[in-house]
C-alpha atoms as a PDB file:
ATOM      1  CA  MET A   1      -0.073   0.294   0.439  1.00  0.00           C
ATOM      2  CA  LYS A   2       1.177   3.198  -1.076  1.00  0.00           C
ATOM      3  CA  LEU A   3       0.788   7.059   1.032  1.00  0.00           C
ATOM      4  CA  LEU A   4       0.836  10.307  -0.395  1.00  0.00           C
ATOM      5  CA  MET A   5       1.679  12.947   1.502  1.00  0.00           C
ATOM      6  CA  ILE A   6       1.264  16.255   0.918  1.00  0.00           C
ATOM      7  CA  VAL A   7       3.485  19.135   2.699  1.00  0.00           C
ATOM      8  CA  ILE A   8       1.088  22.029   2.922  1.00  0.00           C
ATOM      9  CA  VAL A   9       2.583  25.369   4.535  1.00  0.00           C
ATOM     10  CA  SER A  10       0.539  27.581   6.267  1.00  0.00           C
ATOM     11  CA  GLY A  11       2.272  29.320   9.499  1.00  0.00           C
ATOM     12  CA  GLY A  12       4.200  26.102   9.556  1.00  0.00           C
ATOM     13  CA  TYR A  13       4.430  22.666   7.614  1.00  0.00           C
ATOM     14  CA  MET A  14       1.093  20.207   7.613  1.00  0.00           C
ATOM     15  CA  LEU A  15       0.698  16.971   5.984  1.00  0.00           C
ATOM     16  CA  GLU A  16      -2.832  15.478   4.720  1.00  0.00           C
ATOM     17  CA  SER A  17      -2.124  11.972   3.709  1.00  0.00           C
ATOM     18  CA  ILE A  18      -4.137  10.191   0.516  1.00  0.00           C
ATOM     19  CA  ASP A  19      -4.151   6.653  -0.469  1.00  0.00           C
ATOM     20  CA  VAL A  20      -3.150   5.670  -3.914  1.00  0.00           C
ATOM     21  CA  PRO A  21      -5.302   2.758  -5.400  1.00  0.00           C
ATOM     22  CA  ASP A  22      -2.867  -0.090  -6.625  1.00  0.00           C
ATOM     23  CA  ASN A  23      -2.546   1.105 -10.479  1.00  0.00           C
ATOM     24  CA  LYS A  24      -0.951   4.593  -9.992  1.00  0.00           C
ATOM     25  CA  SER A  25       2.052   6.427  -8.435  1.00  0.00           C
ATOM     26  CA  CYS A  26       2.601   8.804  -6.340  1.00  0.00           C
ATOM     27  CA  GLU A  27       3.125  11.474  -8.431  1.00  0.00           C
ATOM     28  CA  GLN A  28       0.370  10.756 -10.497  1.00  0.00           C
ATOM     29  CA  VAL A  29      -2.216  11.606  -7.607  1.00  0.00           C
ATOM     30  CA  TYR A  30      -0.168  13.999  -6.893  1.00  0.00           C
ATOM     31  CA  ASN A  31      -1.099  15.723 -10.159  1.00  0.00           C
ATOM     32  CA  GLU A  32      -4.330  14.478 -10.404  1.00  0.00           C
ATOM     33  CA  GLN A  33      -4.825  16.743  -6.953  1.00  0.00           C
ATOM     34  CA  VAL A  34      -2.394  20.207  -7.320  1.00  0.00           C
ATOM     35  CA  GLU A  35      -3.056  22.705  -9.568  1.00  0.00           C
ATOM     36  CA  ILE A  36      -0.192  25.235 -10.189  1.00  0.00           C
ATOM     37  CA  VAL A  37      -1.717  28.173 -10.983  1.00  0.00           C
ATOM     38  CA  PRO A  38      -0.214  32.576 -11.214  1.00  0.00           C
ATOM     39  CA  ASN A  39       1.118  33.710  -8.237  1.00  0.00           C
ATOM     40  CA  PRO A  40      -1.047  36.579  -7.833  1.00  0.00           C
ATOM     41  CA  LYS A  41       1.901  38.401  -6.039  1.00  0.00           C
ATOM     42  CA  TYR A  42       4.669  37.674  -8.686  1.00  0.00           C
ATOM     43  CA  THR A  43       6.850  41.004 -10.489  1.00  0.00           C
ATOM     44  CA  VAL A  44       9.587  41.059 -12.554  1.00  0.00           C
ATOM     45  CA  GLY A  45      12.720  41.170  -9.843  1.00  0.00           C
ATOM     46  CA  ASN A  46      10.527  41.061  -7.019  1.00  0.00           C
ATOM     47  CA  GLY A  47      11.950  36.894  -5.370  1.00  0.00           C
ATOM     48  CA  GLU A  48       8.043  35.953  -5.731  1.00  0.00           C
ATOM     49  CA  ASN A  49       8.384  32.707  -7.516  1.00  0.00           C
ATOM     50  CA  TRP A  50       5.894  33.271 -10.551  1.00  0.00           C
ATOM     51  CA  VAL A  51       3.833  30.416  -9.865  1.00  0.00           C
ATOM     52  CA  VAL A  52       1.824  28.832  -6.651  1.00  0.00           C
ATOM     53  CA  ILE A  53       0.512  25.189  -6.059  1.00  0.00           C
ATOM     54  CA  LYS A  54      -2.213  24.475  -4.619  1.00  0.00           C
ATOM     55  CA  TRP A  55      -4.249  21.756  -2.177  1.00  0.00           C
ATOM     56  CA  GLY A  56      -7.470  23.303  -2.709  1.00  0.00           C
ATOM     57  CA  ASP A  57      -7.101  27.373  -1.003  1.00  0.00           C
ATOM     58  CA  LYS A  58      -3.909  25.465   0.196  1.00  0.00           C
ATOM     59  CA  ASN A  59      -0.199  26.533  -0.944  1.00  0.00           C
ATOM     60  CA  VAL A  60       1.852  23.251  -1.016  1.00  0.00           C
ATOM     61  CA  MET A  61       5.725  23.070  -1.048  1.00  0.00           C
ATOM     62  CA  GLY A  62       5.406  19.084  -1.957  1.00  0.00           C
ATOM     63  CA  TYR A  63       4.384  15.115  -0.981  1.00  0.00           C
ATOM     64  CA  ILE A  64       5.963  12.313  -0.089  1.00  0.00           C
ATOM     65  CA  CYS A  65       5.515   9.350  -0.249  1.00  0.00           C
ATOM     66  CA  HIS A  66       5.439   6.600   1.643  1.00  0.00           C
ATOM     67  CA  GLU A  67       4.480   1.988   0.879  1.00  0.00           C
ATOM     68  CA  SER A  68       4.118   0.182   3.673  1.00  0.00           C
END
């Protein structure tokens, strides 16, 4: 069994767990769950990333895949 843990950034870090079906990889499930959107805070030269990764309304840093 595989478990996908999405790393949420919100004044700290949180993990949200999602079961991964046997016929999919963690990366496939992650890509289905998150959305890459333009960063409204971005302007040229301000040091912000031009896109952010969202899971619902939460900012995402990445994911961890755990296989048991």
